[in-house]
Amino acid sequence: MARVTVEDCVQRVENRFDLVLLDLSLPDAEGSETIAQMHREVPQIPIIALTGLDDPAIIANAVKHGAEDYLVKGTFKTDVLIRAMLYAIDRRRAPERKPATPGFACGAP
């Protein structure tokens, strides 16, 4: 079975998906470089990093390089994954929302 590269991921997700679950160990990138490369190519798509390492330095580095969240393989249940996915998508879409116009009121005086 062929191993998937970051470039393969970019081609698959660009303009077709709302989120990327990204393993930090791919043949052409490792660790935070995997996130940085993906984030450079598709900055509009939120990334949740997945790895087998439960290391606070790696977690901080993943977020610094563009991950919305970080999950350690084998340590979370489905509800945690779903919540992380929904929050990541919502955070990425939040800047698109228009703020309420200040000083405008609806209704009768």
N, C-alpha and C. Protein backbone atom coordinates (compact mmCIF):
# COMPACT_ATOMS: atom_id res chain seq x y z
N MET A 1 0.84 -1.17 0.00
CA MET A 1 0.00 0.00 0.00
C MET A 1 0.90 1.25 0.00
N ALA A 2 0.62 2.18 -0.88
CA ALA A 2 1.41 3.41 -0.98
C ALA A 2 1.13 4.32 0.21
N ARG A 3 2.17 4.98 0.69
CA ARG A 3 2.01 5.91 1.81
C ARG A 3 1.55 7.26 1.28
N VAL A 4 0.69 7.90 2.03
CA VAL A 4 0.14 9.20 1.64
C VAL A 4 1.10 10.30 2.07
N THR A 5 1.32 11.27 1.19
CA THR A 5 2.20 12.40 1.49
C THR A 5 1.37 13.64 1.76
N VAL A 6 2.02 14.70 2.24
CA VAL A 6 1.34 15.97 2.46
C VAL A 6 0.79 16.49 1.14
N GLU A 7 1.56 16.38 0.08
CA GLU A 7 1.10 16.84 -1.24
C GLU A 7 -0.16 16.09 -1.67
N ASP A 8 -0.23 14.78 -1.40
CA ASP A 8 -1.44 14.01 -1.69
C ASP A 8 -2.63 14.59 -0.93
N CYS A 9 -2.40 14.91 0.34
CA CYS A 9 -3.46 15.46 1.19
C CYS A 9 -3.96 16.79 0.64
N VAL A 10 -3.05 17.66 0.26
CA VAL A 10 -3.42 18.98 -0.26
C VAL A 10 -4.31 18.81 -1.49
N GLN A 11 -3.91 17.96 -2.40
CA GLN A 11 -4.69 17.75 -3.62
C GLN A 11 -6.06 17.19 -3.33
N ARG A 12 -6.18 16.38 -2.30
CA ARG A 12 -7.47 15.76 -1.97
C ARG A 12 -8.42 16.70 -1.25
N VAL A 13 -7.90 17.60 -0.41
CA VAL A 13 -8.78 18.42 0.43
C VAL A 13 -9.11 19.78 -0.14
N GLU A 14 -8.28 20.30 -1.01
CA GLU A 14 -8.46 21.65 -1.51
C GLU A 14 -9.86 21.84 -2.07
N ASN A 15 -10.62 22.76 -1.47
CA ASN A 15 -11.97 23.13 -1.89
C ASN A 15 -12.98 21.99 -1.82
N ARG A 16 -12.70 20.93 -1.09
CA ARG A 16 -13.66 19.82 -1.02
C ARG A 16 -14.02 19.41 0.40
N PHE A 17 -13.23 19.82 1.39
CA PHE A 17 -13.47 19.36 2.75
C PHE A 17 -13.48 20.54 3.72
N ASP A 18 -14.13 20.35 4.86
CA ASP A 18 -14.22 21.39 5.88
C ASP A 18 -13.14 21.27 6.93
N LEU A 19 -12.40 20.15 6.96
CA LEU A 19 -11.46 19.88 8.04
C LEU A 19 -10.45 18.83 7.59
N VAL A 20 -9.24 18.91 8.17
CA VAL A 20 -8.21 17.89 7.93
C VAL A 20 -7.82 17.27 9.26
N LEU A 21 -7.87 15.95 9.34
CA LEU A 21 -7.28 15.21 10.45
C LEU A 21 -5.92 14.76 9.94
N LEU A 22 -4.86 15.33 10.49
CA LEU A 22 -3.53 15.16 9.91
C LEU A 22 -2.60 14.41 10.85
N ASP A 23 -2.15 13.25 10.38
CA ASP A 23 -1.15 12.48 11.11
C ASP A 23 0.19 13.21 10.98
N LEU A 24 0.92 13.34 12.07
CA LEU A 24 2.17 14.09 12.04
C LEU A 24 3.35 13.28 11.50
N SER A 25 3.11 12.06 11.09
CA SER A 25 4.19 11.23 10.51
C SER A 25 3.81 10.81 9.10
N LEU A 26 4.24 11.61 8.12
CA LEU A 26 4.02 11.28 6.72
C LEU A 26 5.37 11.13 6.04
N PRO A 27 5.43 10.44 4.90
CA PRO A 27 6.72 10.18 4.25
C PRO A 27 7.51 11.43 3.88
N ASP A 28 6.81 12.52 3.56
CA ASP A 28 7.53 13.71 3.10
C ASP A 28 7.58 14.84 4.12
N ALA A 29 7.08 14.61 5.31
CA ALA A 29 7.13 15.64 6.36
C ALA A 29 6.92 14.95 7.71
N GLU A 30 7.50 15.56 8.73
CA GLU A 30 7.44 14.98 10.08
C GLU A 30 7.13 16.07 11.08
N GLY A 31 6.30 15.78 12.06
CA GLY A 31 6.03 16.71 13.15
C GLY A 31 5.37 17.99 12.69
N SER A 32 5.80 19.10 13.28
CA SER A 32 5.18 20.39 13.00
C SER A 32 5.38 20.83 11.56
N GLU A 33 6.39 20.32 10.87
CA GLU A 33 6.58 20.65 9.45
C GLU A 33 5.40 20.14 8.63
N THR A 34 4.83 19.02 9.03
CA THR A 34 3.66 18.47 8.35
C THR A 34 2.51 19.48 8.41
N ILE A 35 2.30 20.03 9.60
CA ILE A 35 1.23 21.02 9.79
C ILE A 35 1.54 22.30 9.03
N ALA A 36 2.75 22.79 9.17
CA ALA A 36 3.13 24.04 8.51
C ALA A 36 2.96 23.94 7.00
N GLN A 37 3.38 22.82 6.41
CA GLN A 37 3.26 22.64 4.97
C GLN A 37 1.79 22.59 4.54
N MET A 38 0.98 21.86 5.26
CA MET A 38 -0.44 21.76 4.93
C MET A 38 -1.12 23.12 5.11
N HIS A 39 -0.79 23.81 6.19
CA HIS A 39 -1.40 25.11 6.48
C HIS A 39 -1.02 26.15 5.41
N ARG A 40 0.21 26.10 4.91
CA ARG A 40 0.62 27.00 3.83
C ARG A 40 -0.20 26.77 2.56
N GLU A 41 -0.48 25.52 2.28
CA GLU A 41 -1.18 25.16 1.04
C GLU A 41 -2.68 25.40 1.10
N VAL A 42 -3.29 25.12 2.24
CA VAL A 42 -4.75 25.29 2.39
C VAL A 42 -5.06 25.97 3.73
N PRO A 43 -4.72 27.25 3.85
CA PRO A 43 -4.89 27.95 5.13
C PRO A 43 -6.35 28.11 5.56
N GLN A 44 -7.27 27.98 4.64
CA GLN A 44 -8.68 28.15 4.96
C GLN A 44 -9.30 26.91 5.63
N ILE A 45 -8.58 25.79 5.61
CA ILE A 45 -9.12 24.55 6.17
C ILE A 45 -8.48 24.27 7.53
N PRO A 46 -9.31 24.13 8.59
CA PRO A 46 -8.74 23.84 9.91
C PRO A 46 -8.09 22.45 9.95
N ILE A 47 -7.04 22.35 10.77
CA ILE A 47 -6.28 21.11 10.90
C ILE A 47 -6.33 20.64 12.35
N ILE A 48 -6.63 19.37 12.53
CA ILE A 48 -6.49 18.73 13.83
C ILE A 48 -5.34 17.73 13.68
N ALA A 49 -4.31 17.91 14.49
CA ALA A 49 -3.12 17.06 14.43
C ALA A 49 -3.36 15.78 15.24
N LEU A 50 -2.92 14.66 14.69
CA LEU A 50 -3.01 13.37 15.35
C LEU A 50 -1.61 12.77 15.45
N THR A 51 -1.27 12.26 16.62
CA THR A 51 0.02 11.60 16.80
C THR A 51 -0.05 10.65 17.98
N GLY A 52 0.94 9.80 18.07
CA GLY A 52 1.01 8.86 19.18
C GLY A 52 1.80 9.41 20.36
N LEU A 53 2.34 10.63 20.24
CA LEU A 53 3.18 11.20 21.28
C LEU A 53 2.41 12.19 22.15
N ASP A 54 2.39 11.94 23.43
CA ASP A 54 1.71 12.83 24.38
C ASP A 54 2.77 13.73 25.02
N ASP A 55 3.23 14.71 24.27
CA ASP A 55 4.32 15.59 24.70
C ASP A 55 3.86 17.04 24.62
N PRO A 56 3.83 17.77 25.75
CA PRO A 56 3.36 19.16 25.74
C PRO A 56 4.12 20.06 24.76
N ALA A 57 5.40 19.82 24.55
CA ALA A 57 6.17 20.64 23.61
C ALA A 57 5.70 20.41 22.18
N ILE A 58 5.40 19.16 21.85
CA ILE A 58 4.90 18.85 20.50
C ILE A 58 3.52 19.45 20.31
N ILE A 59 2.69 19.39 21.33
CA ILE A 59 1.34 19.97 21.26
C ILE A 59 1.44 21.47 21.02
N ALA A 60 2.26 22.17 21.79
CA ALA A 60 2.42 23.62 21.63
C ALA A 60 2.96 23.96 20.25
N ASN A 61 3.89 23.17 19.77
CA ASN A 61 4.48 23.40 18.45
C ASN A 61 3.44 23.17 17.34
N ALA A 62 2.59 22.18 17.50
CA ALA A 62 1.55 21.89 16.51
C ALA A 62 0.60 23.08 16.38
N VAL A 63 0.18 23.62 17.51
CA VAL A 63 -0.73 24.77 17.50
C VAL A 63 -0.02 26.00 16.94
N LYS A 64 1.23 26.19 17.30
CA LYS A 64 2.02 27.32 16.79
C LYS A 64 2.11 27.29 15.27
N HIS A 65 2.16 26.11 14.68
CA HIS A 65 2.32 25.97 13.24
C HIS A 65 1.00 25.87 12.48
N GLY A 66 -0.14 26.05 13.17
CA GLY A 66 -1.41 26.13 12.45
C GLY A 66 -2.47 25.12 12.80
N ALA A 67 -2.19 24.18 13.69
CA ALA A 67 -3.23 23.22 14.07
C ALA A 67 -4.26 23.90 14.97
N GLU A 68 -5.52 23.60 14.74
CA GLU A 68 -6.58 24.11 15.60
C GLU A 68 -6.64 23.32 16.91
N ASP A 69 -6.28 22.05 16.82
CA ASP A 69 -6.34 21.18 17.99
C ASP A 69 -5.36 20.03 17.78
N TYR A 70 -5.18 19.22 18.82
CA TYR A 70 -4.20 18.15 18.84
C TYR A 70 -4.78 16.99 19.62
N LEU A 71 -4.79 15.81 19.04
CA LEU A 71 -5.29 14.63 19.73
C LEU A 71 -4.25 13.53 19.68
N VAL A 72 -4.08 12.85 20.82
CA VAL A 72 -3.13 11.74 20.92
C VAL A 72 -3.88 10.45 20.59
N LYS A 73 -3.37 9.74 19.59
CA LYS A 73 -4.02 8.50 19.16
C LYS A 73 -4.19 7.54 20.32
N GLY A 74 -5.35 6.90 20.35
CA GLY A 74 -5.62 5.88 21.36
C GLY A 74 -6.00 6.42 22.73
N THR A 75 -6.12 7.75 22.88
CA THR A 75 -6.44 8.31 24.20
C THR A 75 -7.78 9.03 24.24
N PHE A 76 -8.49 9.07 23.13
CA PHE A 76 -9.75 9.81 23.10
C PHE A 76 -10.88 8.94 22.55
N LYS A 77 -12.11 9.32 22.93
CA LYS A 77 -13.29 8.62 22.45
C LYS A 77 -13.92 9.43 21.32
N THR A 78 -14.86 8.83 20.67
CA THR A 78 -15.51 9.44 19.51
C THR A 78 -16.09 10.82 19.82
N ASP A 79 -16.71 10.98 20.99
CA ASP A 79 -17.33 12.27 21.33
C ASP A 79 -16.28 13.39 21.42
N VAL A 80 -15.08 13.08 21.88
CA VAL A 80 -14.01 14.08 21.96
C VAL A 80 -13.56 14.46 20.54
N LEU A 81 -13.44 13.48 19.67
CA LEU A 81 -13.06 13.76 18.28
C LEU A 81 -14.12 14.62 17.60
N ILE A 82 -15.38 14.26 17.75
CA ILE A 82 -16.46 15.03 17.13
C ILE A 82 -16.47 16.46 17.65
N ARG A 83 -16.32 16.63 18.96
CA ARG A 83 -16.30 17.97 19.55
C ARG A 83 -15.13 18.79 19.01
N ALA A 84 -13.95 18.19 18.95
CA ALA A 84 -12.77 18.88 18.41
C ALA A 84 -13.00 19.30 16.96
N MET A 85 -13.61 18.42 16.18
CA MET A 85 -13.89 18.72 14.78
C MET A 85 -14.87 19.89 14.64
N LEU A 86 -15.96 19.83 15.39
CA LEU A 86 -16.96 20.90 15.31
C LEU A 86 -16.41 22.24 15.77
N TYR A 87 -15.65 22.24 16.86
CA TYR A 87 -15.06 23.49 17.36
C TYR A 87 -14.04 24.06 16.37
N ALA A 88 -13.23 23.20 15.77
CA ALA A 88 -12.23 23.67 14.80
C ALA A 88 -12.90 24.31 13.59
N ILE A 89 -13.94 23.69 13.09
CA ILE A 89 -14.66 24.25 11.95
C ILE A 89 -15.32 25.56 12.33
N ASP A 90 -15.93 25.60 13.51
CA ASP A 90 -16.62 26.82 13.97
C ASP A 90 -15.63 27.96 14.17
N ARG A 91 -14.47 27.68 14.78
CA ARG A 91 -13.47 28.74 14.99
C ARG A 91 -12.97 29.29 13.66
N ARG A 92 -12.79 28.43 12.68
CA ARG A 92 -12.29 28.88 11.39
C ARG A 92 -13.34 29.71 10.65
N ARG A 93 -14.60 29.39 10.84
CA ARG A 93 -15.67 30.14 10.16
C ARG A 93 -16.04 31.41 10.89
N ALA A 94 -15.71 31.53 12.17
CA ALA A 94 -16.11 32.68 12.98
C ALA A 94 -15.71 34.02 12.37
N PRO A 95 -14.51 34.20 11.82
CA PRO A 95 -14.15 35.50 11.23
C PRO A 95 -15.02 35.88 10.03
N GLU A 96 -15.67 34.91 9.40
CA GLU A 96 -16.53 35.20 8.25
C GLU A 96 -17.84 35.84 8.67
N ARG A 97 -18.23 35.63 9.92
CA ARG A 97 -19.50 36.17 10.40
C ARG A 97 -19.38 37.67 10.59
N LYS A 98 -20.43 38.35 10.20
CA LYS A 98 -20.44 39.80 10.36
C LYS A 98 -20.87 40.15 11.78
N PRO A 99 -20.17 41.08 12.42
CA PRO A 99 -20.57 41.49 13.76
C PRO A 99 -21.86 42.31 13.69
N ALA A 100 -22.57 42.35 14.78
CA ALA A 100 -23.79 43.15 14.85
C ALA A 100 -23.45 44.62 14.69
N THR A 101 -24.32 45.36 14.04
CA THR A 101 -24.09 46.79 13.85
C THR A 101 -24.34 47.49 15.17
N PRO A 102 -23.36 48.22 15.71
CA PRO A 102 -23.56 48.90 17.00
C PRO A 102 -24.57 50.04 16.86
N GLY A 103 -25.39 50.19 17.89
CA GLY A 103 -26.33 51.29 17.92
C GLY A 103 -27.59 51.08 17.12
N PHE A 104 -27.79 49.91 16.54
CA PHE A 104 -28.97 49.65 15.75
C PHE A 104 -29.93 48.81 16.57
N ALA A 105 -31.18 49.25 16.64
CA ALA A 105 -32.17 48.53 17.41
C ALA A 105 -33.36 48.20 16.54
N CYS A 106 -33.96 47.06 16.78
CA CYS A 106 -35.16 46.65 16.05
C CYS A 106 -36.36 46.82 16.96
N GLY A 107 -37.50 47.09 16.35
CA GLY A 107 -38.72 47.16 17.12
C GLY A 107 -39.26 48.56 17.23
N ALA A 108 -40.42 48.67 17.87
CA ALA A 108 -41.06 49.98 18.04
C ALA A 108 -40.35 50.80 19.11
N PRO A 109 -40.34 52.12 18.95
CA PRO A 109 -39.69 52.98 19.95
C PRO A 109 -40.39 52.96 21.29
